[in-house]
């Protein structure tokens, strides 16, 4: 059995809302909602990887804060180990490259979205705190 692919995701909270991003057509998990982020490259800390991915995927500079949770999920294409962190936007305007939509959603609205399975435990945990 191969090791899981280590990925990170950013949980942005604004008042009682969280940022959800929908994967663009042609991407893995297209049409599903997720916390933005990506793979941890060799030699990177999870926090450094997340800051890099947010700059690449959303053109945002962000502060990476406390860990939310880690989830392991097996998809048909791979097993993913997703660690989510609370993040704060420092600068930049959202520019979408891997996603085709973003939404700031309340806890109730978040339950209505079609989330990527690996993200669901973090969504539930964060929603219970809003």
N, C-alpha and C. Protein backbone atom coordinates (compact mmCIF):
# COMPACT_ATOMS: atom_id res chain seq x y z
N UNK A 1 0.85 -1.18 0.00
CA UNK A 1 0.00 0.00 0.00
C UNK A 1 0.88 1.24 0.00
N UNK A 2 0.62 2.16 -0.90
CA UNK A 2 1.45 3.36 -0.98
C UNK A 2 1.04 4.37 0.09
N UNK A 3 1.95 5.26 0.39
CA UNK A 3 1.69 6.30 1.39
C UNK A 3 0.66 7.28 0.85
N UNK A 4 -0.14 7.86 1.75
CA UNK A 4 -1.10 8.86 1.29
C UNK A 4 -0.39 10.09 0.73
N UNK A 5 -1.06 10.76 -0.18
CA UNK A 5 -0.57 12.04 -0.69
C UNK A 5 -0.92 13.09 0.35
N UNK A 6 0.08 13.81 0.81
CA UNK A 6 -0.13 14.81 1.86
C UNK A 6 -0.52 16.14 1.22
N UNK A 7 -1.69 16.65 1.61
CA UNK A 7 -2.19 17.91 1.10
C UNK A 7 -2.65 18.78 2.26
N UNK A 8 -2.78 20.08 1.97
CA UNK A 8 -3.20 21.04 2.98
C UNK A 8 -4.35 21.88 2.44
N UNK A 9 -5.18 22.37 3.34
CA UNK A 9 -6.30 23.22 2.95
C UNK A 9 -6.44 24.39 3.91
N UNK A 10 -6.91 25.52 3.37
CA UNK A 10 -7.06 26.76 4.14
C UNK A 10 -8.51 26.98 4.52
N UNK A 11 -8.74 27.19 5.80
CA UNK A 11 -10.06 27.54 6.31
C UNK A 11 -10.05 29.04 6.61
N UNK A 12 -10.72 29.80 5.74
CA UNK A 12 -10.86 31.24 5.95
C UNK A 12 -12.23 31.49 6.57
N UNK A 13 -12.27 32.22 7.68
CA UNK A 13 -13.52 32.54 8.35
C UNK A 13 -13.68 34.05 8.36
N UNK A 14 -14.87 34.51 7.98
CA UNK A 14 -15.22 35.93 8.02
C UNK A 14 -16.55 36.04 8.76
N UNK A 15 -16.48 36.40 10.03
CA UNK A 15 -17.69 36.44 10.85
C UNK A 15 -18.26 35.06 11.02
N UNK A 16 -19.45 34.83 10.46
CA UNK A 16 -20.08 33.51 10.57
C UNK A 16 -20.04 32.74 9.26
N UNK A 17 -19.11 33.12 8.38
CA UNK A 17 -19.04 32.48 7.06
C UNK A 17 -17.64 31.92 6.81
N UNK A 18 -17.60 30.84 6.00
CA UNK A 18 -16.33 30.24 5.58
C UNK A 18 -16.23 30.32 4.06
N UNK A 19 -14.98 30.34 3.57
CA UNK A 19 -14.75 30.40 2.13
C UNK A 19 -14.72 28.99 1.55
N UNK A 20 -15.59 28.76 0.57
CA UNK A 20 -15.63 27.50 -0.15
C UNK A 20 -15.24 27.76 -1.60
N UNK A 21 -14.46 26.85 -2.18
CA UNK A 21 -14.00 26.98 -3.57
C UNK A 21 -14.44 25.73 -4.34
N UNK A 22 -14.99 25.94 -5.55
CA UNK A 22 -15.46 24.82 -6.38
C UNK A 22 -14.41 24.49 -7.43
N UNK A 23 -14.03 23.20 -7.50
CA UNK A 23 -13.03 22.75 -8.47
C UNK A 23 -13.56 22.93 -9.89
N UNK A 24 -12.70 23.46 -10.74
CA UNK A 24 -13.07 23.76 -12.13
C UNK A 24 -13.20 22.49 -12.96
N UNK A 25 -13.98 22.56 -14.06
CA UNK A 25 -14.06 21.43 -14.98
C UNK A 25 -12.66 21.04 -15.47
N UNK A 26 -12.45 19.75 -15.62
CA UNK A 26 -11.16 19.25 -16.08
C UNK A 26 -10.17 18.99 -14.96
N UNK A 27 -10.49 19.43 -13.76
CA UNK A 27 -9.64 19.20 -12.59
C UNK A 27 -10.13 17.97 -11.85
N UNK A 28 -9.25 17.38 -11.05
CA UNK A 28 -9.66 16.28 -10.19
C UNK A 28 -10.76 16.78 -9.26
N UNK A 29 -11.81 15.99 -9.08
CA UNK A 29 -12.96 16.35 -8.24
C UNK A 29 -13.71 17.57 -8.77
N UNK A 30 -13.72 17.74 -10.08
CA UNK A 30 -14.41 18.88 -10.72
C UNK A 30 -15.85 18.99 -10.23
N UNK A 31 -16.25 20.23 -9.94
CA UNK A 31 -17.61 20.51 -9.49
C UNK A 31 -17.82 20.36 -8.00
N UNK A 32 -16.85 19.80 -7.29
CA UNK A 32 -16.98 19.64 -5.85
C UNK A 32 -16.38 20.86 -5.15
N UNK A 33 -16.88 21.14 -3.96
CA UNK A 33 -16.41 22.26 -3.16
C UNK A 33 -15.33 21.78 -2.21
N UNK A 34 -14.40 22.67 -1.91
CA UNK A 34 -13.28 22.31 -1.04
C UNK A 34 -12.72 23.56 -0.39
N UNK A 35 -11.84 23.32 0.59
CA UNK A 35 -11.02 24.39 1.11
C UNK A 35 -9.82 24.51 0.17
N UNK A 36 -9.43 25.73 -0.23
CA UNK A 36 -8.32 25.87 -1.17
C UNK A 36 -7.01 25.38 -0.55
N UNK A 37 -6.13 24.87 -1.40
CA UNK A 37 -4.83 24.38 -0.94
C UNK A 37 -4.22 23.48 -1.99
N UNK A 38 -3.41 22.52 -1.54
CA UNK A 38 -2.78 21.62 -2.48
C UNK A 38 -1.74 20.73 -1.83
N UNK A 39 -0.93 20.11 -2.68
CA UNK A 39 0.06 19.12 -2.23
C UNK A 39 1.24 19.78 -1.52
N UNK A 40 1.76 19.04 -0.54
CA UNK A 40 2.99 19.43 0.14
C UNK A 40 4.14 18.89 -0.68
N UNK A 41 5.04 19.76 -1.10
CA UNK A 41 6.21 19.35 -1.88
C UNK A 41 7.33 18.88 -0.94
N UNK A 42 8.25 18.04 -1.43
CA UNK A 42 9.37 17.58 -0.59
C UNK A 42 10.13 18.78 -0.01
N UNK A 43 10.42 18.69 1.28
CA UNK A 43 11.18 19.75 1.96
C UNK A 43 10.33 20.89 2.50
N UNK A 44 9.03 20.90 2.19
CA UNK A 44 8.15 21.97 2.67
C UNK A 44 7.47 21.56 3.98
N UNK A 45 7.25 22.54 4.84
CA UNK A 45 6.37 22.31 5.97
C UNK A 45 4.93 22.43 5.46
N UNK A 46 3.97 21.87 6.16
CA UNK A 46 2.59 22.05 5.73
C UNK A 46 2.20 23.53 5.62
N UNK A 47 2.66 24.33 6.56
CA UNK A 47 2.33 25.75 6.55
C UNK A 47 2.93 26.46 5.34
N UNK A 48 4.18 26.15 5.02
CA UNK A 48 4.82 26.76 3.85
C UNK A 48 4.12 26.32 2.56
N UNK A 49 3.74 25.05 2.50
CA UNK A 49 3.04 24.54 1.32
C UNK A 49 1.71 25.26 1.13
N UNK A 50 1.00 25.48 2.23
CA UNK A 50 -0.30 26.13 2.13
C UNK A 50 -0.15 27.58 1.67
N UNK A 51 0.81 28.29 2.23
CA UNK A 51 1.04 29.68 1.80
C UNK A 51 1.38 29.73 0.31
N UNK A 52 2.21 28.80 -0.15
CA UNK A 52 2.58 28.74 -1.57
C UNK A 52 1.37 28.45 -2.45
N UNK A 53 0.60 27.44 -2.07
CA UNK A 53 -0.58 27.06 -2.85
C UNK A 53 -1.60 28.19 -2.93
N UNK A 54 -1.80 28.92 -1.85
CA UNK A 54 -2.77 30.03 -1.87
C UNK A 54 -2.30 31.14 -2.80
N UNK A 55 -0.99 31.37 -2.84
CA UNK A 55 -0.45 32.37 -3.77
C UNK A 55 -0.62 31.89 -5.21
N UNK A 56 -0.35 30.60 -5.47
CA UNK A 56 -0.45 30.06 -6.83
C UNK A 56 -1.89 29.97 -7.32
N UNK A 57 -2.78 29.46 -6.47
CA UNK A 57 -4.15 29.16 -6.90
C UNK A 57 -5.12 30.33 -6.79
N UNK A 58 -4.88 31.23 -5.83
CA UNK A 58 -5.84 32.31 -5.59
C UNK A 58 -5.22 33.71 -5.61
N UNK A 59 -3.91 33.80 -5.81
CA UNK A 59 -3.19 35.08 -5.79
C UNK A 59 -3.36 35.81 -4.46
N UNK A 60 -3.38 35.04 -3.37
CA UNK A 60 -3.53 35.61 -2.03
C UNK A 60 -2.27 35.41 -1.21
N UNK A 61 -1.94 36.41 -0.41
CA UNK A 61 -0.94 36.26 0.64
C UNK A 61 -1.73 36.04 1.92
N UNK A 62 -1.41 34.97 2.63
CA UNK A 62 -2.19 34.62 3.82
C UNK A 62 -1.28 34.22 4.96
N UNK A 63 -1.77 34.44 6.17
CA UNK A 63 -1.12 33.94 7.36
C UNK A 63 -1.74 32.59 7.69
N UNK A 64 -0.91 31.59 7.91
CA UNK A 64 -1.38 30.25 8.25
C UNK A 64 -1.34 30.12 9.77
N UNK A 65 -2.49 29.82 10.36
CA UNK A 65 -2.60 29.74 11.81
C UNK A 65 -2.71 28.32 12.32
N UNK A 66 -3.60 28.13 13.28
CA UNK A 66 -3.74 26.86 13.97
C UNK A 66 -4.32 25.76 13.08
N UNK A 67 -3.89 24.54 13.37
CA UNK A 67 -4.43 23.36 12.68
C UNK A 67 -5.89 23.16 13.09
N UNK A 68 -6.72 22.81 12.11
CA UNK A 68 -8.12 22.47 12.38
C UNK A 68 -8.24 20.97 12.61
N UNK A 69 -7.84 20.17 11.61
CA UNK A 69 -7.93 18.72 11.73
C UNK A 69 -7.14 18.07 10.59
N UNK A 70 -6.91 16.78 10.72
CA UNK A 70 -6.32 15.98 9.64
C UNK A 70 -7.27 14.83 9.33
N UNK A 71 -7.52 14.63 8.05
CA UNK A 71 -8.43 13.59 7.57
C UNK A 71 -7.71 12.75 6.53
N UNK A 72 -7.90 11.44 6.58
CA UNK A 72 -7.40 10.56 5.53
C UNK A 72 -8.61 10.01 4.79
N UNK A 73 -8.60 10.15 3.46
CA UNK A 73 -9.71 9.66 2.64
C UNK A 73 -9.14 8.97 1.40
N UNK A 74 -9.72 7.80 1.08
CA UNK A 74 -9.30 7.07 -0.11
C UNK A 74 -10.30 7.32 -1.24
N UNK A 75 -9.81 7.96 -2.29
CA UNK A 75 -10.58 8.17 -3.52
C UNK A 75 -10.20 7.04 -4.48
N UNK A 76 -10.86 6.97 -5.63
CA UNK A 76 -10.51 5.97 -6.65
C UNK A 76 -9.10 6.19 -7.17
N UNK A 77 -8.66 7.45 -7.21
CA UNK A 77 -7.38 7.79 -7.82
C UNK A 77 -6.22 7.82 -6.83
N UNK A 78 -6.48 7.94 -5.53
CA UNK A 78 -5.39 8.03 -4.55
C UNK A 78 -5.96 8.14 -3.14
N UNK A 79 -5.10 7.89 -2.16
CA UNK A 79 -5.43 8.17 -0.77
C UNK A 79 -4.82 9.51 -0.40
N UNK A 80 -5.64 10.38 0.17
CA UNK A 80 -5.24 11.74 0.50
C UNK A 80 -5.22 11.90 2.02
N UNK A 81 -4.17 12.54 2.53
CA UNK A 81 -4.13 12.96 3.92
C UNK A 81 -4.22 14.49 3.92
N UNK A 82 -5.39 15.01 4.27
CA UNK A 82 -5.65 16.45 4.23
C UNK A 82 -5.55 17.04 5.63
N UNK A 83 -4.66 18.02 5.79
CA UNK A 83 -4.58 18.78 7.03
C UNK A 83 -5.05 20.19 6.73
N UNK A 84 -6.04 20.64 7.50
CA UNK A 84 -6.58 21.99 7.31
C UNK A 84 -6.09 22.90 8.42
N UNK A 85 -5.92 24.18 8.05
CA UNK A 85 -5.45 25.20 8.98
C UNK A 85 -6.34 26.43 8.89
N UNK A 86 -6.54 27.10 10.01
CA UNK A 86 -7.19 28.40 9.99
C UNK A 86 -6.23 29.38 9.33
N UNK A 87 -6.72 30.21 8.43
CA UNK A 87 -5.88 31.17 7.72
C UNK A 87 -6.54 32.54 7.70
N UNK A 88 -5.71 33.56 7.54
CA UNK A 88 -6.17 34.94 7.45
C UNK A 88 -5.59 35.55 6.19
N UNK A 89 -6.44 36.18 5.38
CA UNK A 89 -5.96 36.85 4.17
C UNK A 89 -5.23 38.13 4.57
N UNK A 90 -4.00 38.28 4.08
CA UNK A 90 -3.21 39.48 4.34
C UNK A 90 -3.33 40.47 3.19
N UNK A 91 -3.26 39.97 1.97
CA UNK A 91 -3.37 40.85 0.80
C UNK A 91 -3.71 40.02 -0.44
N UNK A 92 -4.14 40.74 -1.47
CA UNK A 92 -4.47 40.11 -2.74
C UNK A 92 -5.96 40.08 -2.99
N UNK A 93 -6.31 39.94 -4.25
CA UNK A 93 -7.69 39.77 -4.68
C UNK A 93 -7.81 38.39 -5.27
N UNK A 94 -8.90 37.70 -4.95
CA UNK A 94 -9.09 36.34 -5.45
C UNK A 94 -9.01 36.27 -6.97
N UNK A 95 -8.06 35.46 -7.45
CA UNK A 95 -7.93 35.16 -8.88
C UNK A 95 -7.99 33.64 -8.97
N UNK A 96 -8.97 33.12 -9.70
CA UNK A 96 -9.19 31.67 -9.75
C UNK A 96 -8.38 31.02 -10.87
N UNK A 97 -7.63 29.96 -10.51
CA UNK A 97 -6.90 29.18 -11.50
C UNK A 97 -7.34 27.71 -11.48
N UNK A 98 -7.49 27.12 -10.30
CA UNK A 98 -7.92 25.73 -10.17
C UNK A 98 -9.41 25.60 -9.87
N UNK A 99 -10.06 26.72 -9.62
CA UNK A 99 -11.47 26.73 -9.24
C UNK A 99 -12.26 27.59 -10.23
N UNK A 100 -13.58 27.32 -10.31
CA UNK A 100 -14.41 28.15 -11.18
C UNK A 100 -15.42 28.98 -10.40
N UNK A 101 -15.42 28.84 -9.08
CA UNK A 101 -16.32 29.64 -8.25
C UNK A 101 -15.84 29.63 -6.81
N UNK A 102 -16.17 30.70 -6.10
CA UNK A 102 -15.96 30.76 -4.66
C UNK A 102 -17.24 31.30 -4.03
N UNK A 103 -17.46 30.93 -2.79
CA UNK A 103 -18.61 31.44 -2.04
C UNK A 103 -18.23 31.55 -0.58
N UNK A 104 -18.68 32.63 0.06
CA UNK A 104 -18.61 32.73 1.51
C UNK A 104 -19.94 32.18 2.02
N UNK A 105 -19.90 31.10 2.78
CA UNK A 105 -21.13 30.42 3.20
C UNK A 105 -21.23 30.32 4.72
N UNK A 106 -22.47 30.38 5.20
CA UNK A 106 -22.73 30.13 6.62
C UNK A 106 -22.65 28.63 6.87
N UNK A 107 -22.72 28.25 8.14
CA UNK A 107 -22.70 26.83 8.49
C UNK A 107 -23.86 26.09 7.82
N UNK A 108 -25.05 26.71 7.82
CA UNK A 108 -26.21 26.06 7.20
C UNK A 108 -26.02 25.93 5.70
N UNK A 109 -25.51 26.99 5.06
CA UNK A 109 -25.28 26.94 3.61
C UNK A 109 -24.20 25.93 3.25
N UNK A 110 -23.20 25.79 4.11
CA UNK A 110 -22.11 24.84 3.85
C UNK A 110 -22.64 23.42 3.76
N UNK A 111 -23.67 23.11 4.53
CA UNK A 111 -24.24 21.75 4.53
C UNK A 111 -24.92 21.42 3.20
N UNK A 112 -25.26 22.44 2.43
CA UNK A 112 -25.96 22.24 1.16
C UNK A 112 -25.00 22.01 -0.01
N UNK A 113 -23.71 22.30 0.18
CA UNK A 113 -22.74 22.18 -0.91
C UNK A 113 -22.27 20.73 -1.06
N UNK A 114 -21.84 20.38 -2.26
CA UNK A 114 -21.29 19.05 -2.56
C UNK A 114 -19.78 19.11 -2.31
N UNK A 115 -19.38 18.86 -1.05
CA UNK A 115 -17.97 18.96 -0.64
C UNK A 115 -17.19 17.73 -1.07
N UNK A 116 -15.91 17.93 -1.37
CA UNK A 116 -15.01 16.79 -1.57
C UNK A 116 -14.99 15.99 -0.27
N UNK A 117 -15.09 14.66 -0.34
CA UNK A 117 -15.20 13.86 0.88
C UNK A 117 -14.12 14.11 1.93
N UNK A 118 -12.89 14.34 1.51
CA UNK A 118 -11.81 14.56 2.48
C UNK A 118 -12.02 15.85 3.27
N UNK A 119 -12.76 16.81 2.72
CA UNK A 119 -12.99 18.10 3.38
C UNK A 119 -14.15 18.06 4.37
N UNK A 120 -15.02 17.09 4.27
CA UNK A 120 -16.25 17.08 5.07
C UNK A 120 -15.99 17.12 6.58
N UNK A 121 -15.06 16.33 7.15
CA UNK A 121 -14.84 16.43 8.60
C UNK A 121 -14.45 17.85 9.05
N UNK A 122 -13.62 18.53 8.27
CA UNK A 122 -13.24 19.90 8.63
C UNK A 122 -14.44 20.84 8.51
N UNK A 123 -15.25 20.66 7.48
CA UNK A 123 -16.47 21.48 7.31
C UNK A 123 -17.37 21.31 8.53
N UNK A 124 -17.58 20.07 8.95
CA UNK A 124 -18.45 19.81 10.10
C UNK A 124 -17.88 20.40 11.38
N UNK A 125 -16.58 20.26 11.57
CA UNK A 125 -15.94 20.80 12.77
C UNK A 125 -16.03 22.32 12.81
N UNK A 126 -15.68 22.97 11.71
CA UNK A 126 -15.73 24.43 11.66
C UNK A 126 -17.17 24.93 11.76
N UNK A 127 -18.10 24.27 11.08
CA UNK A 127 -19.50 24.69 11.13
C UNK A 127 -20.05 24.65 12.55
N UNK A 128 -19.60 23.68 13.34
CA UNK A 128 -20.09 23.57 14.72
C UNK A 128 -19.56 24.71 15.59
N UNK A 129 -18.51 25.39 15.14
CA UNK A 129 -17.92 26.49 15.91
C UNK A 129 -18.46 27.86 15.49
N UNK A 130 -19.14 27.93 14.34
CA UNK A 130 -19.62 29.23 13.85
C UNK A 130 -20.88 29.67 14.59
